[in-house]
Protein backbone atom coordinates (compact mmCIF):
# COMPACT_ATOMS: atom_id res chain seq x y z
CA UNK A 1 0.00 0.00 0.00
CA UNK A 2 1.19 3.50 -0.74
CA UNK A 3 0.80 6.37 1.61
CA UNK A 4 -2.54 7.43 0.23
CA UNK A 5 -4.00 3.92 0.56
CA UNK A 6 -2.73 3.56 4.12
CA UNK A 7 -4.29 6.92 5.01
CA UNK A 8 -7.62 5.82 3.54
CA UNK A 9 -7.51 2.51 5.44
CA UNK A 10 -6.71 4.35 8.63
CA UNK A 11 -9.61 6.77 8.19
CA UNK A 12 -11.95 3.86 7.52
CA UNK A 13 -10.72 2.10 10.69
CA UNK A 14 -11.28 5.29 12.71
CA UNK A 15 -14.84 5.49 11.42
CA UNK A 16 -15.45 1.80 12.29
CA UNK A 17 -14.09 2.39 15.78
CA UNK A 18 -16.39 5.37 16.26
CA UNK A 19 -19.39 3.35 15.03
CA UNK A 20 -18.55 0.44 17.38
CA UNK A 21 -18.07 2.86 20.27
CA UNK A 22 -21.46 4.44 19.61
CA UNK A 23 -23.04 0.98 19.33
CA UNK A 24 -21.44 -0.08 22.62
CA UNK A 25 -22.72 3.06 24.31
CA UNK A 26 -26.23 2.33 22.98
CA UNK A 27 -26.05 -1.23 24.26
CA UNK A 28 -24.87 -0.03 27.66
CA UNK A 29 -27.70 2.50 27.73
CA UNK A 30 -30.23 -0.19 26.90
CA UNK A 31 -28.74 -2.56 29.52
CA UNK A 32 -29.26 0.09 32.17
CA UNK A 33 -33.03 -0.40 31.65
CA UNK A 34 -32.78 -3.89 33.18
CA UNK A 35 -32.68 -3.90 37.04
CA UNK A 36 -30.89 -7.24 37.09
CA UNK A 37 -28.43 -9.05 34.96
CA UNK A 38 -30.42 -10.65 32.11
CA UNK A 39 -28.04 -13.57 32.07
CA UNK A 40 -29.22 -14.57 35.55
CA UNK A 41 -32.85 -14.35 34.43
CA UNK A 42 -31.94 -16.41 31.39
CA UNK A 43 -30.41 -19.09 33.63
CA UNK A 44 -33.54 -19.19 35.76
CA UNK A 45 -35.70 -19.46 32.67
CA UNK A 46 -33.55 -22.33 31.45
CA UNK A 47 -34.07 -24.14 34.77
CA UNK A 48 -37.83 -23.52 34.62
CA UNK A 49 -37.87 -24.68 31.01
CA UNK A 50 -36.17 -27.92 32.07
CA UNK A 51 -38.80 -28.46 34.80
CA UNK A 52 -41.64 -27.70 32.36
CA UNK A 53 -40.17 -30.07 29.80
CA UNK A 54 -39.99 -32.79 32.49
CA UNK A 55 -43.61 -32.15 33.46
CA UNK A 56 -44.61 -32.21 29.82
CA UNK A 57 -42.88 -35.57 29.38
CA UNK A 58 -44.72 -36.92 32.44
CA UNK A 59 -48.01 -35.53 31.12
CA UNK A 60 -47.38 -37.24 27.77
CA UNK A 61 -46.81 -40.53 29.60
CA UNK A 62 -50.03 -40.06 31.61
CA UNK A 63 -51.88 -39.21 28.42
CA UNK A 64 -50.56 -42.36 26.82
CA UNK A 65 -51.70 -44.44 29.80
CA UNK A 66 -55.14 -42.75 29.76
CA UNK A 67 -55.51 -43.41 26.05
CA UNK A 68 -54.56 -47.04 26.69
CA UNK A 69 -57.20 -47.33 29.45
CA UNK A 70 -59.79 -45.68 27.24
CA UNK A 71 -58.96 -48.15 24.50
CA UNK A 72 -59.34 -51.05 26.96
CA UNK A 73 -62.69 -49.68 28.17
CA UNK A 74 -63.88 -49.19 24.63
CA UNK A 75 -62.95 -52.79 23.88
CA UNK A 76 -65.18 -53.88 26.78
CA UNK A 77 -68.25 -52.21 25.23
CA UNK A 78 -69.11 -49.78 28.06
CA UNK A 79 -72.25 -48.63 26.27
CA UNK A 80 -73.66 -52.15 26.42
CA UNK A 81 -72.77 -52.37 30.12
CA UNK A 82 -74.38 -48.97 30.69
CA UNK A 83 -77.54 -50.06 28.89
CA UNK A 84 -77.65 -53.25 30.97
CA UNK A 85 -77.08 -51.28 34.20
CA UNK A 86 -79.84 -48.85 33.20
CA UNK A 87 -82.22 -51.75 32.62
CA UNK A 88 -81.34 -53.29 35.99
CA UNK A 89 -81.80 -49.88 37.61
CA UNK A 90 -85.27 -49.61 36.10
CA UNK A 91 -86.15 -53.06 37.44
CA UNK A 92 -84.81 -52.19 40.90
CA UNK A 93 -86.70 -48.88 40.91
CA UNK A 94 -89.91 -50.73 40.00
CA UNK A 95 -89.29 -53.24 42.82
CA UNK A 96 -88.54 -50.37 45.20
CA UNK A 97 -91.78 -48.65 44.26
CA UNK A 98 -93.67 -51.93 44.83
CA UNK A 99 -91.98 -52.41 48.21
CA UNK A 100 -92.89 -48.84 49.16
CA UNK A 101 -96.51 -49.51 48.26
CA UNK A 102 -96.44 -52.70 50.34
CA UNK A 103 -94.91 -50.82 53.27
CA UNK A 104 -97.58 -48.13 52.96
CA UNK A 105 -100.25 -50.83 52.87
CA UNK A 106 -98.75 -52.52 55.94
CA UNK A 107 -98.52 -49.18 57.71
CA UNK A 108 -102.17 -48.49 56.87
CA UNK A 109 -103.15 -51.98 58.07
CA UNK A 110 -101.21 -51.46 61.30
CA UNK A 111 -102.89 -48.10 61.87
CA UNK A 112 -106.28 -49.70 61.25
CA UNK A 113 -105.48 -52.51 63.70
CA UNK A 114 -104.32 -49.99 66.29
CA UNK A 115 -107.50 -47.98 65.82
CA UNK A 116 -109.66 -51.10 66.00
CA UNK A 117 -107.80 -52.28 69.09
CA UNK A 118 -108.22 -48.86 70.70
CA UNK A 119 -111.91 -48.85 69.83
CA UNK A 120 -112.31 -52.41 71.14
CA UNK A 121 -110.49 -51.54 74.33
CA UNK A 122 -112.61 -48.44 74.73
CA UNK A 123 -115.79 -50.47 74.27
CA UNK A 124 -114.64 -53.30 76.56
CA UNK A 125 -112.74 -51.35 79.17
CA UNK A 126 -115.68 -49.90 81.02
CA UNK A 127 -117.81 -53.09 81.34
CA UNK A 128 -114.77 -55.30 82.06
CA UNK A 129 -113.45 -52.89 84.71
CA UNK A 130 -116.91 -52.69 86.28
CA UNK A 131 -117.41 -56.47 86.34
CA UNK A 132 -113.85 -57.15 87.56
CA UNK A 133 -114.36 -54.63 90.35
CA UNK A 134 -117.60 -56.39 91.34
CA UNK A 135 -115.76 -59.72 91.51
CA UNK A 136 -113.00 -58.13 93.61
CA UNK A 137 -115.61 -56.64 95.98
CA UNK A 138 -117.22 -60.08 96.31
CA UNK A 139 -113.86 -61.74 97.03
CA UNK A 140 -112.78 -59.11 99.57
CA UNK A 141 -116.22 -58.91 101.21
CA UNK A 142 -116.42 -55.14 100.71
CA UNK A 143 -115.43 -52.49 98.12
CA UNK A 144 -111.72 -51.74 98.43
CA UNK A 145 -110.61 -50.61 94.96
CA UNK A 146 -111.59 -50.23 91.32
CA UNK A 147 -109.66 -52.28 88.74
CA UNK A 148 -108.24 -50.51 85.67
CA UNK A 149 -107.17 -52.14 82.37
CA UNK A 150 -104.02 -51.34 80.36
CA UNK A 151 -103.54 -51.28 76.60
CA UNK A 152 -103.04 -55.08 76.49
CA UNK A 153 -106.29 -55.89 78.29
CA UNK A 154 -104.30 -56.70 81.41
CA UNK A 155 -104.51 -55.24 84.88
CA UNK A 156 -103.27 -51.68 84.63
CA UNK A 157 -103.59 -50.93 88.32
CA UNK A 158 -106.22 -50.33 90.95
CA UNK A 159 -107.79 -47.18 92.30
CA UNK A 160 -108.43 -47.41 96.07
CA UNK A 161 -111.91 -46.38 97.16
CA UNK A 162 -110.46 -43.42 99.04
CA UNK A 163 -108.87 -42.10 95.81
CA UNK A 164 -111.57 -43.03 93.33
CA UNK A 165 -112.48 -39.39 92.66
CA UNK A 166 -108.93 -38.25 92.02
CA UNK A 167 -107.40 -38.07 88.53
CA UNK A 168 -104.53 -40.45 87.65
CA UNK A 169 -104.69 -42.00 91.11
CA UNK A 170 -104.27 -45.63 90.04
CA UNK A 171 -101.85 -47.71 92.10
CA UNK A 172 -99.56 -50.08 90.18
CA UNK A 173 -100.42 -53.75 90.68
CA UNK A 174 -96.80 -54.52 91.61
CA UNK A 175 -97.22 -52.44 94.77
CA UNK A 176 -99.92 -54.80 96.05
CA UNK A 177 -99.30 -57.83 98.22
CA UNK A 178 -98.95 -61.25 96.61
CA UNK A 179 -102.49 -62.31 97.45
CA UNK A 180 -104.06 -59.03 96.35
CA UNK A 181 -102.08 -59.10 93.11
CA UNK A 182 -103.26 -62.59 92.12
CA UNK A 183 -106.86 -61.71 93.08
CA UNK A 184 -106.79 -58.64 90.82
CA UNK A 185 -105.39 -60.74 87.96
CA UNK A 186 -108.04 -63.43 88.50
CA UNK A 187 -110.91 -60.92 88.58
CA UNK A 188 -109.61 -59.26 85.41
CA UNK A 189 -109.36 -62.58 83.58
CA UNK A 190 -112.83 -63.68 84.69
CA UNK A 191 -114.43 -60.38 83.68
CA UNK A 192 -112.64 -60.28 80.34
CA UNK A 193 -113.56 -63.90 79.60
CA UNK A 194 -117.21 -63.30 80.45
CA UNK A 195 -117.34 -60.14 78.33
CA UNK A 196 -115.71 -61.79 75.28
CA UNK A 197 -117.46 -65.16 75.45
CA UNK A 198 -120.91 -63.77 74.74
CA UNK A 199 -123.62 -66.41 74.71
CA UNK A 200 -121.27 -69.34 74.00
CA UNK A 201 -119.72 -71.50 76.70
CA UNK A 202 -115.91 -71.52 76.61
CA UNK A 203 -113.10 -73.17 78.52
CA UNK A 204 -111.22 -71.12 81.10
CA UNK A 205 -107.85 -72.54 82.27
CA UNK A 206 -106.34 -71.41 85.58
CA UNK A 207 -102.85 -72.65 86.47
CA UNK A 208 -102.11 -72.27 90.20
CA UNK A 209 -103.35 -68.68 90.24
CA UNK A 210 -104.09 -68.54 93.99
CA UNK A 211 -100.93 -69.60 95.80
CA UNK A 212 -100.84 -66.61 98.20
CA UNK A 213 -104.55 -65.97 98.87
CA UNK A 214 -105.73 -66.33 102.46
CA UNK A 215 -108.34 -69.05 103.29
CA UNK A 216 -111.23 -66.61 103.87
CA UNK A 217 -110.91 -65.00 100.45
CA UNK A 218 -110.14 -68.36 98.85
CA UNK A 219 -113.50 -69.63 100.11
CA UNK A 220 -115.27 -66.70 98.42
CA UNK A 221 -113.32 -67.38 95.22
CA UNK A 222 -114.47 -71.01 95.26
CA UNK A 223 -118.09 -69.85 95.57
CA UNK A 224 -117.51 -67.41 92.67
CA UNK A 225 -116.00 -70.13 90.47
CA UNK A 226 -118.86 -72.47 91.33
CA UNK A 227 -121.34 -69.86 90.19
CA UNK A 228 -119.39 -69.08 87.01
CA UNK A 229 -119.13 -72.76 86.09
CA UNK A 230 -122.59 -72.42 84.53
CA UNK A 231 -121.03 -70.08 81.93
CA UNK A 232 -117.53 -71.58 81.59
CA UNK A 233 -115.86 -74.94 81.65
CA UNK A 234 -113.25 -74.01 84.26
CA UNK A 235 -110.05 -76.10 84.35
CA UNK A 236 -107.87 -75.52 87.40
CA UNK A 237 -104.34 -76.96 87.37
CA UNK A 238 -102.95 -77.03 90.89
CA UNK A 239 -100.49 -78.84 93.12
CA UNK A 240 -102.72 -78.13 96.15
CA UNK A 241 -106.16 -79.55 95.28
CA UNK A 242 -107.33 -79.27 98.90
CA UNK A 243 -107.41 -75.48 98.52
CA UNK A 244 -110.26 -75.86 96.01
CA UNK A 245 -112.24 -78.50 97.90
CA UNK A 246 -115.09 -76.03 98.45
CA UNK A 247 -115.96 -75.90 94.73
CA UNK A 248 -119.23 -77.72 94.26
CA UNK A 249 -119.75 -80.45 91.64
CA UNK A 250 -116.07 -80.39 90.61
CA UNK A 251 -114.64 -83.27 88.59
CA UNK A 252 -111.25 -83.91 90.17
CA UNK A 253 -108.58 -85.69 88.06
CA UNK A 254 -105.21 -86.81 89.42
CA UNK A 255 -102.90 -86.19 86.47
CA UNK A 256 -99.89 -87.75 88.20
CA UNK A 257 -101.82 -91.04 88.61
CA UNK A 258 -102.96 -90.93 85.00
CA UNK A 259 -99.44 -90.18 83.77
CA UNK A 260 -98.11 -93.24 85.58
CA UNK A 261 -100.76 -95.59 84.14
CA UNK A 262 -100.09 -97.29 80.78
CA UNK A 263 -103.80 -96.94 79.99
CA UNK A 264 -103.92 -93.24 80.83
CA UNK A 265 -106.08 -91.10 78.57
CA UNK A 266 -106.42 -87.32 78.27
CA UNK A 267 -109.46 -86.20 80.25
CA UNK A 268 -111.13 -82.80 80.04
CA UNK A 269 -113.32 -81.88 82.97
């Protein structure tokens, strides 16, 4: 190169240097707009990108598994199974509706039975209580209490004569003595049997019902049973037959003797 060429190359190099210096200044000015070093942010983004790519790979694997399960389910004809399940559901719903109707019918029948029982008790309670009280007065020799029935046509208690005008004054049968308790039960059974038997003659079975009654009241009970024998066939099972010796025209059968005899026959007296 001659002197002129070297001068031209030098001037061109100076101009390139100035342009690069201006470009560097512009880059530095633009870098000042970033609060942090962008290379650090780039590194963080690279790390996040790696995590996202790993999650994406896992998601692709899960998608592949799900597609495989869907293919397996499709091969098993789920629509046919759904149709069959829907049909079975319809059958079960119909059976459920039928069972509900049956339950409603049973509930209605129960309510009717309860109402009929309540009406029957209401119609029987008064005459049975009155007749049972009369029997108890006869056994005791004087009025001492009024007999009350419970919801099962059993003895619901007694109302002493002194408390007969008071409300809810019935005394529980369990508070009575043993003899009084069995006398109340006997009078209730006799009155209920007489009220329910009507005009027909029925059998009344008594199994050792008077084990604690004193002799004086037992004598009155024997007279009462003798009188009621015109309306009932009364069968008394007892281990102490002498206690009922006062009953007139009684047919006495020794069951132990009959049981020991090879020719024993069942006898109803």
